[in-house]
Protein backbone atom coordinates (compact mmCIF):
# COMPACT_ATOMS: atom_id res chain seq x y z
CA MET A 1 15.63 -66.29 -33.33
CA LYS A 2 14.97 -68.12 -30.03
CA SER A 3 17.99 -69.87 -28.52
CA LEU A 4 17.57 -73.65 -28.07
CA SER A 5 20.74 -74.00 -25.97
CA ARG A 6 18.97 -76.01 -23.24
CA ARG A 7 18.06 -78.66 -25.64
CA THR A 8 19.24 -79.20 -29.20
CA PHE A 9 16.89 -78.47 -32.08
CA LEU A 10 16.70 -82.02 -33.23
CA SER A 11 16.88 -84.17 -30.15
CA GLY A 12 14.84 -82.26 -27.64
CA SER A 13 12.31 -84.05 -25.50
CA ALA A 14 11.28 -85.97 -28.60
CA ALA A 15 14.35 -88.15 -28.22
CA MET A 16 14.29 -88.13 -24.46
CA LEU A 17 10.60 -88.87 -24.04
CA GLY A 18 9.90 -90.61 -27.25
CA MET A 19 6.67 -88.71 -27.87
CA ALA A 20 7.20 -86.41 -30.85
CA VAL A 21 7.79 -87.90 -34.26
CA LEU A 22 6.59 -91.37 -35.34
CA PRO A 23 8.04 -93.78 -35.72
CA ALA A 24 11.75 -92.76 -35.50
CA ARG A 25 11.79 -90.70 -32.33
CA PHE A 26 9.09 -92.69 -30.40
CA GLY A 27 11.32 -95.72 -30.22
CA SER A 28 11.08 -98.75 -32.42
CA PRO A 29 7.44 -99.85 -32.93
CA VAL A 30 6.67 -103.19 -31.48
CA ASN A 31 6.53 -106.08 -34.01
CA ALA A 32 3.52 -108.32 -33.75
CA GLN A 33 5.86 -111.38 -33.36
CA MET A 34 7.90 -109.93 -30.49
CA GLY A 35 7.47 -110.87 -26.87
CA ALA A 36 6.17 -108.65 -24.13
CA ASN A 37 7.06 -104.94 -24.12
CA ASN A 38 8.21 -103.66 -20.75
CA LEU A 39 6.68 -100.60 -19.26
CA GLN A 40 7.57 -99.18 -15.91
CA VAL A 41 5.60 -96.84 -13.61
CA THR A 42 8.25 -94.66 -12.06
CA THR A 43 9.33 -91.13 -11.22
CA ARG A 44 11.11 -88.71 -13.50
CA THR A 45 12.41 -85.15 -13.24
CA LEU A 46 11.17 -82.23 -15.44
CA ASP A 47 12.53 -78.70 -15.82
CA ILE A 48 9.61 -76.28 -15.33
CA GLY A 49 10.75 -72.70 -15.76
CA GLY A 50 14.18 -73.53 -14.57
CA ARG A 51 12.93 -75.33 -11.47
CA ALA A 52 13.32 -79.10 -11.11
CA ALA A 53 10.09 -81.06 -10.56
CA THR A 54 9.74 -84.75 -9.72
CA VAL A 55 6.69 -86.25 -11.36
CA LYS A 56 5.41 -89.72 -12.17
CA GLY A 57 5.36 -91.39 -15.55
CA ILE A 58 5.15 -94.60 -17.59
CA LEU A 59 8.45 -95.35 -19.46
CA ASP A 60 9.60 -98.09 -21.76
CA GLY A 61 12.83 -99.99 -21.40
CA SER A 62 14.76 -97.21 -23.06
CA GLY A 63 13.39 -94.53 -20.77
CA ARG A 64 10.88 -93.10 -23.28
CA SER A 65 7.35 -92.22 -22.41
CA GLY A 66 4.58 -94.50 -23.59
CA LEU A 67 4.22 -97.05 -26.34
CA VAL A 68 3.76 -97.25 -30.11
CA LEU A 69 2.48 -100.45 -31.80
CA ASP A 70 2.80 -101.22 -35.45
CA PRO A 71 -0.16 -102.51 -37.45
CA GLY A 72 -1.14 -106.00 -36.39
CA ALA A 73 0.83 -105.98 -33.12
CA ARG A 74 -0.81 -107.25 -29.95
CA PHE A 75 -0.89 -105.19 -26.79
CA ARG A 76 1.44 -107.55 -24.91
CA VAL A 77 2.93 -105.64 -21.95
CA GLU A 78 4.64 -106.42 -18.72
CA LEU A 79 3.92 -103.41 -16.45
CA SER A 80 6.12 -103.05 -13.34
CA ASN A 81 5.67 -100.63 -10.45
CA ALA A 82 8.85 -98.87 -9.39
CA LEU A 83 6.92 -96.42 -7.04
CA GLN A 84 6.77 -96.68 -3.31
CA ASP A 85 2.98 -96.74 -3.53
CA GLU A 86 0.69 -99.16 -5.11
CA THR A 87 -0.82 -98.23 -8.49
CA ILE A 88 -2.97 -99.42 -11.37
CA VAL A 89 -2.91 -98.27 -14.97
CA HIS A 90 -5.91 -97.90 -17.30
CA TRP A 91 -5.61 -98.21 -21.10
CA HIS A 92 -7.85 -95.32 -21.99
CA GLY A 93 -10.09 -96.09 -25.02
CA GLN A 94 -8.93 -99.63 -25.43
CA ILE A 95 -11.36 -102.60 -24.91
CA PRO A 96 -9.34 -105.29 -23.09
CA PRO A 97 -10.90 -108.05 -21.04
CA ASN A 98 -12.50 -106.54 -17.98
CA SER A 99 -9.82 -108.07 -15.74
CA MET A 100 -7.11 -106.09 -17.73
CA ASP A 101 -9.01 -102.80 -17.79
CA GLY A 102 -6.79 -101.31 -15.08
CA VAL A 103 -9.20 -100.29 -12.42
CA SER A 104 -9.17 -101.36 -8.81
CA ASN A 105 -12.80 -102.46 -8.59
CA THR A 106 -12.13 -105.39 -10.97
CA ALA A 107 -8.44 -106.13 -10.44
CA PRO A 108 -6.05 -105.77 -7.47
CA MET A 109 -3.66 -102.83 -7.29
CA ILE A 110 -0.04 -103.42 -8.32
CA ALA A 111 2.13 -103.36 -5.23
CA PRO A 112 5.57 -101.60 -5.15
CA GLY A 113 8.12 -103.76 -6.74
CA SER A 114 5.50 -106.03 -8.44
CA SER A 115 4.54 -106.40 -12.08
CA ARG A 116 1.60 -107.62 -14.05
CA MET A 117 1.07 -108.97 -17.64
CA PHE A 118 -1.47 -107.54 -20.06
CA ASP A 119 -2.30 -109.18 -23.41
CA PHE A 120 -5.08 -108.30 -25.75
CA VAL A 121 -5.81 -107.14 -29.30
CA PRO A 122 -5.68 -103.31 -29.40
CA ARG A 123 -7.86 -100.93 -31.33
CA PRO A 124 -5.93 -98.81 -33.82
CA GLY A 125 -5.81 -95.04 -33.21
CA THR A 126 -4.62 -92.40 -30.75
CA TYR A 127 -5.03 -93.56 -27.13
CA TRP A 128 -3.25 -93.11 -23.87
CA MET A 129 -2.53 -94.84 -20.55
CA HIS A 130 -2.80 -93.35 -17.09
CA SER A 131 -3.18 -94.27 -13.48
CA HIS A 132 -6.77 -94.76 -12.32
CA VAL A 133 -5.79 -93.23 -8.89
CA PRO A 134 -6.82 -89.52 -9.37
CA ALA A 135 -3.98 -88.12 -7.30
CA GLN A 136 -1.41 -90.03 -9.35
CA GLU A 137 -2.90 -88.82 -12.62
CA ILE A 138 -2.62 -85.26 -11.32
CA ASP A 139 1.00 -86.14 -10.62
CA LEU A 140 1.43 -86.91 -14.46
CA LEU A 141 1.31 -90.64 -14.21
CA ALA A 142 0.28 -91.00 -17.90
CA ALA A 143 1.77 -91.60 -21.29
CA PRO A 144 0.71 -91.92 -25.00
CA LEU A 145 -0.48 -95.17 -26.45
CA ILE A 146 -0.40 -95.08 -30.24
CA VAL A 147 -1.65 -98.03 -32.27
CA ARG A 148 -0.79 -97.53 -35.93
CA SER A 149 -3.05 -98.83 -38.63
CA ALA A 150 -2.19 -100.07 -42.03
CA GLU A 151 -3.42 -96.79 -43.52
CA ASP A 152 -0.98 -94.97 -41.20
CA ALA A 153 1.86 -97.14 -42.35
CA GLY A 154 1.08 -96.58 -45.95
CA SER A 155 0.56 -92.81 -45.78
CA ASP A 156 3.10 -90.34 -46.83
CA ARG A 157 2.86 -88.16 -43.80
CA GLN A 158 4.86 -87.46 -40.66
CA GLU A 159 3.19 -88.33 -37.36
CA VAL A 160 3.64 -85.99 -34.35
CA VAL A 161 2.23 -86.58 -30.89
CA MET A 162 1.36 -83.61 -28.58
CA PHE A 163 0.72 -84.80 -25.06
CA LEU A 164 -0.96 -82.14 -22.84
CA HIS A 165 -0.78 -81.80 -19.07
CA ASP A 166 -1.67 -79.36 -16.37
CA PHE A 167 1.08 -79.24 -13.80
CA SER A 168 1.47 -78.21 -10.15
CA PHE A 169 4.50 -78.13 -7.90
CA ARG A 170 2.19 -79.44 -5.19
CA SER A 171 1.29 -83.15 -5.08
CA GLY A 172 -1.95 -84.55 -6.32
CA GLU A 173 -2.77 -85.67 -2.82
CA GLU A 174 -2.31 -82.12 -1.52
CA ILE A 175 -4.51 -80.70 -4.32
CA LEU A 176 -7.36 -83.20 -3.79
CA ALA A 177 -7.20 -82.61 -0.03
CA ASP A 178 -7.92 -78.95 -0.64
CA PHE A 179 -11.02 -79.90 -2.64
CA THR A 180 -12.31 -82.43 -0.27
CA SER A 181 -11.52 -80.40 2.91
CA GLY A 182 -12.95 -77.14 1.50
CA ALA A 183 -9.58 -75.36 1.94
CA ALA A 184 -9.40 -74.57 -1.78
CA MET A 185 -12.66 -72.78 -1.36
CA ASP A 186 -11.04 -70.13 0.77
CA HIS A 187 -10.85 -67.77 -2.25
CA GLY A 188 -9.57 -64.55 -0.68
CA MET A 189 -9.89 -61.72 -3.20
CA VAL A 190 -6.96 -59.53 -4.30
CA GLN A 191 -7.03 -56.58 -6.72
CA HIS A 192 -5.30 -57.03 -10.18
CA GLY A 193 -5.71 -53.78 -12.12
CA SER A 194 -9.35 -53.50 -12.99
CA ARG A 195 -10.38 -56.94 -11.85
CA MET A 196 -10.71 -58.89 -8.71
CA GLU A 197 -8.82 -62.24 -8.61
CA ALA A 198 -8.63 -65.05 -6.12
CA THR A 199 -5.42 -65.88 -4.38
CA PRO A 200 -3.18 -68.79 -5.51
CA ARG A 201 -4.73 -72.28 -5.03
CA ARG A 202 -8.06 -70.67 -5.97
CA ILE A 203 -11.03 -72.21 -7.45
CA ILE A 204 -12.35 -70.02 -10.23
CA GLY A 205 -15.93 -69.55 -11.30
CA ASN A 206 -19.27 -69.03 -9.72
CA HIS A 207 -18.74 -69.97 -6.15
CA SER A 208 -22.35 -70.34 -5.16
CA ALA A 209 -23.64 -73.58 -3.77
CA ASP A 210 -26.66 -73.01 -5.99
CA PRO A 211 -25.77 -74.16 -9.47
CA MET A 212 -28.63 -72.06 -11.01
CA GLN A 213 -27.71 -68.79 -9.31
CA VAL A 214 -27.18 -65.81 -11.63
CA PRO A 215 -23.60 -64.54 -11.15
CA GLY A 216 -22.79 -61.44 -9.34
CA SER A 217 -23.03 -62.22 -5.65
CA ALA A 218 -19.78 -64.21 -5.47
CA GLY A 219 -17.53 -61.09 -5.70
CA MET A 220 -15.82 -62.17 -8.92
CA ASP A 221 -15.37 -59.80 -11.93
CA HIS A 222 -16.96 -62.16 -14.46
CA GLY A 223 -15.67 -59.98 -17.25
CA ALA A 224 -12.18 -61.20 -16.26
CA MET A 225 -12.85 -64.89 -16.10
CA ALA A 226 -16.34 -66.10 -16.31
CA MET A 227 -17.71 -63.96 -19.07
CA PRO A 228 -16.23 -66.30 -21.72
CA GLY A 229 -18.46 -69.00 -20.19
CA MET A 230 -21.65 -66.97 -20.09
CA GLY A 231 -24.75 -68.77 -21.28
CA HIS A 232 -28.13 -70.18 -20.37
CA GLY A 233 -29.95 -66.82 -20.06
CA GLY A 234 -27.08 -64.85 -18.51
CA MET A 235 -25.87 -67.41 -16.01
CA ALA A 236 -22.13 -68.09 -15.92
CA MET A 237 -20.63 -71.54 -16.36
CA ASP A 238 -18.02 -72.57 -13.84
CA LEU A 239 -14.59 -72.80 -15.53
CA ASN A 240 -11.12 -73.83 -14.40
CA ASP A 241 -11.69 -74.66 -10.75
CA PHE A 242 -7.95 -74.91 -9.95
CA GLU A 243 -5.00 -72.80 -10.93
CA PHE A 244 -2.01 -74.96 -11.94
CA ASP A 245 1.51 -73.67 -12.05
CA ALA A 246 2.18 -74.54 -15.61
CA TYR A 247 0.60 -76.13 -18.73
CA LEU A 248 2.72 -78.50 -20.58
CA ALA A 249 2.99 -80.05 -24.14
CA ASN A 250 5.31 -83.02 -24.21
CA ASP A 251 6.54 -82.05 -20.71
CA ARG A 252 7.54 -78.50 -21.72
CA THR A 253 6.18 -75.06 -21.36
CA LEU A 254 5.64 -72.80 -24.30
CA ASP A 255 8.60 -70.44 -23.39
CA ASP A 256 10.84 -73.46 -24.09
CA PRO A 257 8.76 -75.58 -26.43
CA GLU A 258 9.56 -78.73 -28.29
CA VAL A 259 10.58 -77.87 -31.87
CA VAL A 260 9.78 -80.69 -34.26
CA ARG A 261 11.66 -80.87 -37.56
CA VAL A 262 9.26 -81.32 -40.45
CA ASP A 263 9.53 -81.14 -44.23
CA LYS A 264 8.64 -77.90 -46.04
CA ARG A 265 5.23 -78.53 -47.75
CA GLY A 266 5.15 -81.90 -46.03
CA ARG A 267 1.99 -83.59 -44.68
CA VAL A 268 1.73 -83.97 -40.94
CA LEU A 269 -0.66 -85.98 -38.75
CA LEU A 270 -0.95 -84.42 -35.32
CA ARG A 271 -2.03 -86.83 -32.74
CA ILE A 272 -3.11 -84.56 -29.78
CA ILE A 273 -4.02 -86.09 -26.37
CA ASN A 274 -5.45 -84.03 -23.47
CA ALA A 275 -4.02 -85.85 -20.48
CA SER A 276 -4.78 -82.85 -18.29
CA SER A 277 -6.43 -83.69 -15.02
CA MET A 278 -8.78 -80.58 -14.91
CA THR A 279 -8.23 -78.44 -17.97
CA ALA A 280 -9.95 -78.21 -21.35
CA PHE A 281 -8.14 -76.67 -24.26
CA TRP A 282 -8.65 -75.12 -27.69
CA ILE A 283 -6.18 -76.59 -30.23
CA ASP A 284 -5.19 -73.54 -32.35
CA LEU A 285 -3.28 -73.76 -35.63
CA GLY A 286 -3.23 -69.96 -36.28
CA ASP A 287 -3.34 -69.21 -39.99
CA VAL A 288 -3.01 -72.79 -41.05
CA GLN A 289 -6.11 -74.91 -41.83
CA GLY A 290 -6.15 -78.56 -40.95
CA ASP A 291 -8.53 -81.54 -41.30
CA LEU A 292 -9.82 -83.14 -38.14
CA VAL A 293 -9.77 -86.82 -39.28
CA ALA A 294 -10.30 -88.75 -36.03
CA VAL A 295 -11.50 -88.20 -32.45
CA ASP A 296 -10.73 -90.57 -29.59
CA GLY A 297 -9.08 -92.90 -31.93
CA ASP A 298 -12.00 -93.35 -34.27
CA PRO A 299 -12.06 -91.87 -37.82
CA VAL A 300 -14.49 -89.08 -38.71
CA GLU A 301 -15.38 -87.40 -42.00
CA PRO A 302 -12.78 -84.68 -42.36
CA LEU A 303 -13.71 -81.41 -40.71
CA ARG A 304 -11.80 -78.34 -41.88
CA GLY A 305 -10.66 -75.70 -39.49
CA SER A 306 -7.96 -74.04 -37.47
CA ARG A 307 -9.33 -74.30 -34.02
CA PHE A 308 -10.77 -77.48 -32.33
CA GLY A 309 -11.99 -78.03 -28.76
CA LEU A 310 -10.54 -80.82 -26.59
CA ALA A 311 -11.86 -81.86 -23.18
CA MET A 312 -9.96 -83.91 -20.63
CA GLY A 313 -9.40 -87.50 -21.74
CA GLN A 314 -10.25 -86.76 -25.39
CA ARG A 315 -7.95 -86.92 -28.43
CA VAL A 316 -7.95 -85.36 -31.86
CA ASP A 317 -5.98 -86.32 -34.98
CA ILE A 318 -5.44 -83.36 -37.31
CA GLU A 319 -3.94 -83.65 -40.76
CA LEU A 320 -2.25 -80.56 -42.22
CA THR A 321 0.16 -79.59 -44.94
CA MET A 322 3.08 -77.31 -44.07
CA PRO A 323 2.90 -73.98 -45.81
CA GLU A 324 4.69 -73.21 -49.11
CA SER A 325 6.40 -70.29 -47.32
CA GLY A 326 8.55 -72.64 -45.28
CA LEU A 327 7.54 -70.82 -42.10
CA ALA A 328 7.29 -72.56 -38.72
CA VAL A 329 3.81 -73.49 -37.50
CA PRO A 330 3.07 -73.16 -33.76
CA VAL A 331 0.45 -75.78 -32.64
CA LEU A 332 -1.07 -74.11 -29.54
CA ALA A 333 -3.28 -75.46 -26.76
CA LEU A 334 -5.24 -72.50 -25.27
CA ARG A 335 -6.67 -73.01 -21.79
CA GLU A 336 -10.37 -72.24 -21.98
CA GLY A 337 -11.61 -69.09 -20.26
CA ALA A 338 -8.10 -67.97 -19.42
CA GLN A 339 -4.92 -66.64 -20.98
CA GLU A 340 -2.49 -69.61 -20.35
CA ARG A 341 -1.39 -71.55 -23.29
CA THR A 342 1.15 -74.28 -24.25
CA GLY A 343 2.12 -76.07 -27.40
CA LEU A 344 4.95 -77.16 -29.74
CA ILE A 345 6.41 -75.77 -33.03
CA LEU A 346 6.50 -77.52 -36.42
CA ALA A 347 9.55 -76.17 -38.24
CA PRO A 348 11.09 -76.98 -41.54
CA ALA A 349 14.86 -76.71 -41.81
CA GLY A 350 15.98 -73.14 -41.75
CA ALA A 351 12.69 -71.74 -40.40
CA GLU A 352 12.90 -69.03 -37.76
CA VAL A 353 11.46 -70.09 -34.51
CA SER A 354 10.24 -67.08 -32.57
CA LYS A 355 9.87 -66.99 -28.83
CA LEU A 356 6.33 -67.38 -27.53
CA ALA A 357 4.94 -66.34 -24.19
CA ASN A 358 3.12 -68.76 -21.86
CA GLN A 359 0.10 -66.42 -21.98
CA SER A 360 -1.95 -64.93 -24.81
CA ASP A 361 -2.74 -61.23 -24.93
CA SER A 362 -6.48 -61.86 -24.32
CA THR A 363 -8.67 -64.39 -22.55
CA HIS A 364 -9.59 -67.45 -24.66
CA PRO A 365 -13.31 -68.28 -25.03
CA ALA A 366 -14.95 -71.07 -23.05
CA PHE A 367 -15.15 -74.48 -24.51
CA SER A 368 -17.38 -75.85 -21.82
CA GLY A 369 -20.65 -74.64 -23.50
CA ASP A 370 -19.60 -75.04 -27.10
CA VAL A 371 -21.29 -77.83 -29.04
CA ALA A 372 -20.66 -76.57 -32.58
CA MET A 373 -17.81 -79.02 -33.32
CA GLU A 374 -19.61 -81.99 -31.88
CA LEU A 375 -22.67 -81.18 -33.90
CA ALA A 376 -20.62 -81.06 -37.00
CA LEU A 377 -18.70 -84.35 -36.54
CA ARG A 378 -19.75 -87.44 -38.50
CA ALA A 379 -18.40 -90.88 -37.87
CA ARG A 380 -16.60 -92.60 -40.75
CA HIS A 381 -17.67 -95.99 -39.39
CA PRO A 382 -20.94 -95.36 -37.59
CA LEU A 383 -22.86 -97.97 -35.51
CA ASP A 384 -25.43 -99.98 -37.42
CA ILE A 385 -28.82 -98.22 -37.27
CA LYS A 386 -31.28 -99.94 -34.91
CA ARG A 387 -33.80 -99.05 -32.26
CA PRO A 388 -32.47 -99.01 -28.75
CA ASP A 389 -33.42 -101.95 -26.57
CA ARG A 390 -32.83 -99.91 -23.43
CA THR A 391 -32.59 -96.21 -22.52
CA HIS A 392 -31.09 -94.60 -19.46
CA MET A 393 -31.07 -90.97 -18.37
CA VAL A 394 -27.89 -90.28 -16.34
CA MET A 395 -28.23 -87.12 -14.22
CA LEU A 396 -25.01 -85.22 -13.64
CA GLY A 397 -25.16 -82.91 -10.63
CA GLY A 398 -23.09 -80.94 -8.16
CA ALA A 399 -21.79 -77.51 -7.32
CA MET A 400 -18.58 -75.66 -6.39
CA ALA A 401 -19.59 -75.21 -2.74
CA PRO A 402 -19.75 -77.59 -1.14
CA TYR A 403 -17.46 -79.20 -3.70
CA SER A 404 -19.26 -82.39 -4.56
CA TRP A 405 -20.28 -84.03 -7.82
CA THR A 406 -22.82 -86.81 -8.33
CA ILE A 407 -24.27 -89.24 -10.88
CA ASN A 408 -28.02 -89.73 -10.45
CA GLY A 409 -27.74 -87.89 -7.19
CA GLN A 410 -25.33 -90.47 -5.73
CA LEU A 411 -21.66 -90.42 -4.80
CA TRP A 412 -19.24 -93.20 -5.77
CA GLY A 413 -19.38 -95.88 -3.06
CA ARG A 414 -23.01 -95.18 -2.47
CA HIS A 415 -24.07 -95.59 -6.09
CA THR A 416 -26.62 -97.83 -7.76
CA PRO A 417 -24.97 -99.31 -10.96
CA ILE A 418 -26.61 -98.68 -14.26
CA ALA A 419 -27.86 -102.06 -15.44
CA VAL A 420 -27.94 -103.32 -19.06
CA LEU A 421 -27.99 -106.71 -20.69
CA GLN A 422 -25.12 -107.89 -22.93
CA GLY A 423 -25.77 -107.39 -26.63
CA GLU A 424 -28.47 -104.67 -25.99
CA ARG A 425 -28.33 -101.47 -28.06
CA VAL A 426 -28.34 -98.92 -25.27
CA GLU A 427 -29.01 -95.13 -25.56
CA MET A 428 -27.75 -93.14 -22.59
CA MET A 429 -28.62 -89.45 -22.11
CA PHE A 430 -26.30 -87.47 -19.95
CA HIS A 431 -28.34 -84.65 -18.58
CA ASN A 432 -26.10 -82.14 -16.93
CA MET A 433 -27.82 -80.16 -14.21
CA SER A 434 -24.66 -78.44 -13.05
CA MET A 435 -22.86 -75.25 -14.15
CA MET A 436 -19.67 -77.12 -15.04
CA ALA A 437 -19.09 -79.18 -18.12
CA HIS A 438 -18.25 -82.92 -17.61
CA PRO A 439 -16.20 -85.10 -19.89
CA MET A 440 -17.87 -88.46 -19.40
CA HIS A 441 -15.74 -91.58 -20.09
CA LEU A 442 -17.17 -95.09 -20.36
CA HIS A 443 -14.79 -98.05 -19.98
CA GLY A 444 -14.90 -101.20 -22.12
CA HIS A 445 -17.03 -99.56 -24.86
CA VAL A 446 -17.14 -97.02 -27.60
CA PHE A 447 -20.27 -95.05 -28.22
CA GLN A 448 -21.74 -92.88 -30.93
CA VAL A 449 -23.01 -89.41 -30.23
CA VAL A 450 -26.58 -89.36 -31.48
CA ASP A 451 -28.22 -86.34 -29.89
CA ILE A 452 -27.13 -83.04 -28.57
CA ASN A 453 -29.57 -80.78 -26.81
CA GLY A 454 -32.44 -82.34 -28.67
CA THR A 455 -30.79 -82.27 -32.12
CA ARG A 456 -30.57 -85.80 -33.53
CA ILE A 457 -27.27 -86.54 -35.37
CA ALA A 458 -25.19 -89.46 -36.61
CA GLY A 459 -22.17 -88.07 -34.77
CA ALA A 460 -18.70 -89.17 -33.89
CA VAL A 461 -17.73 -92.54 -32.33
CA ARG A 462 -16.01 -91.78 -29.00
CA ASP A 463 -15.04 -93.10 -25.64
CA THR A 464 -15.18 -89.68 -23.83
CA VAL A 465 -17.96 -87.15 -24.52
CA HIS A 466 -18.03 -83.50 -23.36
CA VAL A 467 -21.35 -82.74 -21.74
CA PRO A 468 -21.83 -78.95 -21.60
CA ALA A 469 -23.17 -77.19 -18.49
CA MET A 470 -26.96 -77.39 -18.33
CA GLY A 471 -26.83 -79.49 -21.50
CA MET A 472 -27.90 -82.93 -22.71
CA VAL A 473 -25.89 -85.42 -24.82
CA THR A 474 -27.20 -88.84 -25.76
CA VAL A 475 -24.87 -91.65 -26.87
CA ALA A 476 -25.58 -95.08 -28.29
CA PHE A 477 -23.61 -98.22 -27.79
CA ASP A 478 -23.85 -102.05 -27.80
CA ALA A 479 -23.36 -103.52 -24.32
CA GLY A 480 -20.24 -105.66 -24.24
CA GLU A 481 -18.58 -108.13 -21.90
CA VAL A 482 -20.67 -109.18 -18.81
CA ALA A 483 -18.86 -107.24 -16.13
CA PRO A 484 -18.94 -103.98 -14.17
CA TRP A 485 -17.43 -101.16 -16.34
CA MET A 486 -16.53 -97.81 -14.93
CA LEU A 487 -18.44 -94.72 -15.96
CA HIS A 488 -17.05 -91.37 -14.64
CA CYS A 489 -16.21 -87.80 -15.29
CA HIS A 490 -12.55 -87.30 -16.42
CA HIS A 491 -12.11 -84.17 -14.42
CA MET A 492 -10.05 -85.72 -11.61
CA ALA A 493 -11.39 -83.63 -8.76
CA HIS A 494 -14.99 -84.41 -9.89
CA MET A 495 -14.25 -88.07 -10.08
CA ALA A 496 -12.43 -88.04 -6.64
CA THR A 497 -15.29 -86.23 -4.95
CA GLY A 498 -18.01 -88.60 -6.24
CA MET A 499 -18.81 -88.40 -9.99
CA MET A 500 -18.28 -92.07 -10.76
CA THR A 501 -20.53 -95.09 -11.15
CA GLU A 502 -20.59 -98.45 -12.98
CA LEU A 503 -22.29 -99.77 -16.06
CA ASP A 504 -23.36 -103.22 -14.88
CA VAL A 505 -23.47 -105.42 -17.99
CA ARG A 506 -25.48 -108.54 -17.19
CA ALA A 507 -26.04 -111.77 -18.99
CA PRO A 508 -29.26 -111.85 -20.99
């Protein structure tokens, strides 16, 4: 049995970070009649493989990460900045007034030592909060935001949050500087057994400036990395364009995972949040079957399975019943197209907890071109059926070299906003002409996925949709508050190098 001497079995980072079991270990939920909840943007120290790392975070008054609200509670928060740099925090998936959305194009940054009040009615479900400064998000400036519903409060099930990160000992500013300067494209090759592999700080994938080029000329052994992403007539999708030092679940690596005490044969609701800056995962339950019951905070008709894809910025709620055997259940996050993995362990009292490696024995398949799950999802509360008043095609472009990513051929700062009128039903087709997938996030709205590669569906209601390489995804939404709302890729290096624009909602 694995020794848990570094952290006790019951307390663990669940007690320290407040992000494992709801409601007891996530701190006391906020009552609707209480005053403002205090959140602080600050630094914290993690133990990564025995090495101390200083990262950023969002902590409550008790030093726990994030916030849980009880049914009926307002989102009433005083956010203070204890960093030495200015910051701003976005409430991902929530629909506050535009001035409270937490982006610098509609509100001033929060200066060091300053604070700001936020007050709005939240949407129930699994959400998260993060800096809208890409380098700061890479530095782990993010936390869960859980808004419990009356159904949650009345259910006989234990709620467990798994918060995923990709982590580097280098700062976010350094990492983005590599991308923007081209230094990260200096992918010197070294021999590793039967395969060629780039040196550390590498960008992985098809390194051609031509996103349509058939692989082979870049010098990579696509059997080692890009073969799991093969598609589109033999062309390889670009996967995993930065190598991080570790992949974390609730701030811990898999060789020292969080172990969450659960009841034998008990029902568990997993709230899994992909807060990674550049990494898509498969959520793997092993031999256990679970029901996917919500995505991005919105309920879906239950989808049975043991493996579910999760792009950056997305969330999944999975309900499962612990096995009769009383055995522990690892909940793993498998990095797509690679062998790295992370996760946590659900363990009844007395269950043996075996040591797990940070890497699988074989390469995980690509998620970037997989649309099977999205095609199967059906919203439990779909939009009203109506003809669109307006349609937009949004072209997603770019390539690995030179490293630059665009919306409608334009970079952020030189963009033409996408104009709609308030109250219109809008259908927006994301047409991805690049060889990388893009998780596209729209602020201030939720949308329903209504078409994937020409197949019409009444799909999930989301706020972040995974657009596969060389694929097309259409979403429908009703245009909301008159204001500019951000629309961008949630891969931080893509966003930082240009893949961002605005939805300009105008008065009719």
